[in-house]
Amino acid sequence: MRESLTHSLPPMNPATLMDRTATITMLVPGQLRSYCAGARQLQLAASSVQAALEELERDHPSLYRNICDETGTVRRHLNLFVNASHIRDLDGLATALLPGDELIVLPAVSGG
């Protein structure tokens, strides 16, 4: 008799699903691209905006330092959007990210 080629997988724990991180795209403005080898966008694995910034700090520290100050706060002249929503209108740095989301770094525009 032939052995079955199918393997049963253990049941997936719902907590495990929650721990998985989303692959998101961070869009980098032209003024900051020199800090990430000219990349227009970066692929990050993060479940929140805070986690995305932490990954950025590890992988692109120069870019991170130009987005966040020494306390980890996003610099005043920059805005962060998840898709079309400013993070201040969501959950701030705790804003959850889903696979395919775009994290957009947008410099503030001012004039007089």
C-alpha atoms as a PDB file:
ATOM      1  CA  MET A   1       0.000   0.000   0.000  1.00  0.00           C
ATOM      2  CA  ARG A   2       1.315   3.477  -0.888  1.00  0.00           C
ATOM      3  CA  GLU A   3       1.939   5.991   1.866  1.00  0.00           C
ATOM      4  CA  SER A   4      -0.049   9.160   1.732  1.00  0.00           C
ATOM      5  CA  LEU A   5       1.916  12.088   0.348  1.00  0.00           C
ATOM      6  CA  THR A   6      -0.189  14.608   2.175  1.00  0.00           C
ATOM      7  CA  HIS A   7       1.013  15.921   5.475  1.00  0.00           C
ATOM      8  CA  SER A   8      -1.335  17.300   8.003  1.00  0.00           C
ATOM      9  CA  LEU A   9      -0.363  20.689   9.321  1.00  0.00           C
ATOM     10  CA  PRO A  10      -0.850  21.597  12.944  1.00  0.00           C
ATOM     11  CA  PRO A  11      -3.766  23.935  13.569  1.00  0.00           C
ATOM     12  CA  MET A  12      -2.800  27.597  13.305  1.00  0.00           C
ATOM     13  CA  ASN A  13      -2.937  29.474  16.571  1.00  0.00           C
ATOM     14  CA  PRO A  14      -4.838  32.783  16.102  1.00  0.00           C
ATOM     15  CA  ALA A  15      -2.147  34.568  18.152  1.00  0.00           C
ATOM     16  CA  THR A  16       0.434  33.406  15.600  1.00  0.00           C
ATOM     17  CA  LEU A  17      -1.561  35.043  12.830  1.00  0.00           C
ATOM     18  CA  MET A  18      -1.600  38.310  14.774  1.00  0.00           C
ATOM     19  CA  ASP A  19       2.197  38.199  15.205  1.00  0.00           C
ATOM     20  CA  ARG A  20       2.902  38.019  11.498  1.00  0.00           C
ATOM     21  CA  THR A  21       4.239  41.225  10.079  1.00  0.00           C
ATOM     22  CA  ALA A  22       2.955  42.911   6.981  1.00  0.00           C
ATOM     23  CA  THR A  23       5.175  43.676   4.035  1.00  0.00           C
ATOM     24  CA  ILE A  24       4.569  47.323   3.330  1.00  0.00           C
ATOM     25  CA  THR A  25       6.101  49.884   1.005  1.00  0.00           C
ATOM     26  CA  MET A  26       7.640  53.063   2.360  1.00  0.00           C
ATOM     27  CA  LEU A  27       7.701  55.882  -0.191  1.00  0.00           C
ATOM     28  CA  VAL A  28      10.798  58.061   0.248  1.00  0.00           C
ATOM     29  CA  PRO A  29      10.707  61.711  -0.869  1.00  0.00           C
ATOM     30  CA  GLY A  30      13.442  62.965  -3.185  1.00  0.00           C
ATOM     31  CA  GLN A  31      15.129  65.026  -0.458  1.00  0.00           C
ATOM     32  CA  LEU A  32      15.802  61.901   1.625  1.00  0.00           C
ATOM     33  CA  ARG A  33      16.750  59.368  -1.060  1.00  0.00           C
ATOM     34  CA  SER A  34      20.480  59.976  -0.679  1.00  0.00           C
ATOM     35  CA  TYR A  35      20.174  58.368   2.784  1.00  0.00           C
ATOM     36  CA  CYS A  36      18.935  55.061   1.319  1.00  0.00           C
ATOM     37  CA  ALA A  37      21.105  54.656  -1.804  1.00  0.00           C
ATOM     38  CA  GLY A  38      18.661  56.621  -3.957  1.00  0.00           C
ATOM     39  CA  ALA A  39      15.718  54.276  -3.410  1.00  0.00           C
ATOM     40  CA  ARG A  40      12.298  55.744  -4.181  1.00  0.00           C
ATOM     41  CA  GLN A  41      10.673  53.096  -2.031  1.00  0.00           C
ATOM     42  CA  LEU A  42      11.657  50.529   0.542  1.00  0.00           C
ATOM     43  CA  GLN A  43      10.004  47.227   1.394  1.00  0.00           C
ATOM     44  CA  LEU A  44       9.603  46.811   5.140  1.00  0.00           C
ATOM     45  CA  ALA A  45       8.166  44.003   7.246  1.00  0.00           C
ATOM     46  CA  ALA A  46       6.247  45.744  10.006  1.00  0.00           C
ATOM     47  CA  SER A  47       2.944  45.416  11.809  1.00  0.00           C
ATOM     48  CA  SER A  48       2.766  49.093  12.846  1.00  0.00           C
ATOM     49  CA  VAL A  49       4.227  52.464  11.930  1.00  0.00           C
ATOM     50  CA  GLN A  50       6.457  52.258  15.031  1.00  0.00           C
ATOM     51  CA  ALA A  51       7.754  48.834  13.942  1.00  0.00           C
ATOM     52  CA  ALA A  52       8.442  50.211  10.445  1.00  0.00           C
ATOM     53  CA  LEU A  53      10.514  53.032  11.940  1.00  0.00           C
ATOM     54  CA  GLU A  54      12.389  50.545  14.136  1.00  0.00           C
ATOM     55  CA  GLU A  55      13.234  48.446  11.067  1.00  0.00           C
ATOM     56  CA  LEU A  56      14.307  51.604   9.289  1.00  0.00           C
ATOM     57  CA  GLU A  57      16.596  52.461  12.222  1.00  0.00           C
ATOM     58  CA  ARG A  58      18.275  49.047  11.928  1.00  0.00           C
ATOM     59  CA  ASP A  59      18.552  48.878   8.134  1.00  0.00           C
ATOM     60  CA  HIS A  60      18.873  52.551   7.098  1.00  0.00           C
ATOM     61  CA  PRO A  61      20.083  54.491  10.159  1.00  0.00           C
ATOM     62  CA  SER A  62      20.911  57.664   8.207  1.00  0.00           C
ATOM     63  CA  LEU A  63      17.415  57.807   6.764  1.00  0.00           C
ATOM     64  CA  TYR A  64      15.905  57.104  10.180  1.00  0.00           C
ATOM     65  CA  ARG A  65      17.854  59.985  11.754  1.00  0.00           C
ATOM     66  CA  ASN A  66      16.466  62.317   9.106  1.00  0.00           C
ATOM     67  CA  ILE A  67      12.883  61.184   9.796  1.00  0.00           C
ATOM     68  CA  CYS A  68      13.031  60.902  13.594  1.00  0.00           C
ATOM     69  CA  ASP A  69      14.855  62.966  16.187  1.00  0.00           C
ATOM     70  CA  GLU A  70      16.993  61.569  19.031  1.00  0.00           C
ATOM     71  CA  THR A  71      13.859  60.833  21.096  1.00  0.00           C
ATOM     72  CA  GLY A  72      12.267  58.765  18.303  1.00  0.00           C
ATOM     73  CA  THR A  73       9.687  61.447  17.523  1.00  0.00           C
ATOM     74  CA  VAL A  74       8.920  62.154  13.867  1.00  0.00           C
ATOM     75  CA  ARG A  75      10.549  65.465  12.962  1.00  0.00           C
ATOM     76  CA  ARG A  76       8.204  68.465  12.869  1.00  0.00           C
ATOM     77  CA  HIS A  77       8.785  69.209   9.187  1.00  0.00           C
ATOM     78  CA  LEU A  78       7.758  65.691   8.103  1.00  0.00           C
ATOM     79  CA  ASN A  79       4.364  64.027   7.898  1.00  0.00           C
ATOM     80  CA  LEU A  80       3.675  60.290   7.803  1.00  0.00           C
ATOM     81  CA  PHE A  81       0.682  58.886   5.969  1.00  0.00           C
ATOM     82  CA  VAL A  82      -0.612  55.324   5.809  1.00  0.00           C
ATOM     83  CA  ASN A  83      -2.144  55.163   2.374  1.00  0.00           C
ATOM     84  CA  ALA A  84      -4.176  58.416   2.233  1.00  0.00           C
ATOM     85  CA  SER A  85      -4.545  59.021   5.998  1.00  0.00           C
ATOM     86  CA  HIS A  86      -2.209  61.043   8.201  1.00  0.00           C
ATOM     87  CA  ILE A  87      -1.100  58.967  11.188  1.00  0.00           C
ATOM     88  CA  ARG A  88      -2.291  61.728  13.562  1.00  0.00           C
ATOM     89  CA  ASP A  89      -5.834  60.985  12.324  1.00  0.00           C
ATOM     90  CA  LEU A  90      -5.310  57.259  12.978  1.00  0.00           C
ATOM     91  CA  ASP A  91      -3.466  55.781  15.973  1.00  0.00           C
ATOM     92  CA  GLY A  92      -0.221  57.727  15.607  1.00  0.00           C
ATOM     93  CA  LEU A  93       2.879  55.546  15.697  1.00  0.00           C
ATOM     94  CA  ALA A  94       0.719  52.644  16.932  1.00  0.00           C
ATOM     95  CA  THR A  95      -1.220  52.636  13.637  1.00  0.00           C
ATOM     96  CA  ALA A  96      -1.489  49.046  12.427  1.00  0.00           C
ATOM     97  CA  LEU A  97      -0.154  48.167   8.985  1.00  0.00           C
ATOM     98  CA  LEU A  98      -1.600  45.559   6.656  1.00  0.00           C
ATOM     99  CA  PRO A  99       0.122  43.768   3.769  1.00  0.00           C
ATOM    100  CA  GLY A 100       0.307  46.099   0.786  1.00  0.00           C
ATOM    101  CA  ASP A 101      -0.074  49.327   2.770  1.00  0.00           C
ATOM    102  CA  GLU A 102       2.006  52.332   1.787  1.00  0.00           C
ATOM    103  CA  LEU A 103       3.781  54.385   4.426  1.00  0.00           C
ATOM    104  CA  ILE A 104       4.403  57.764   2.843  1.00  0.00           C
ATOM    105  CA  VAL A 105       6.961  60.257   4.131  1.00  0.00           C
ATOM    106  CA  LEU A 106       5.854  63.711   3.066  1.00  0.00           C
ATOM    107  CA  PRO A 107       7.830  66.870   3.827  1.00  0.00           C
ATOM    108  CA  ALA A 108       5.735  69.777   5.084  1.00  0.00           C
ATOM    109  CA  VAL A 109       5.328  72.637   2.647  1.00  0.00           C
ATOM    110  CA  SER A 110       5.385  76.188   3.901  1.00  0.00           C
ATOM    111  CA  GLY A 111       5.982  79.564   2.465  1.00  0.00           C
ATOM    112  CA  GLY A 112       5.179  83.124   2.904  1.00  0.00           C
END
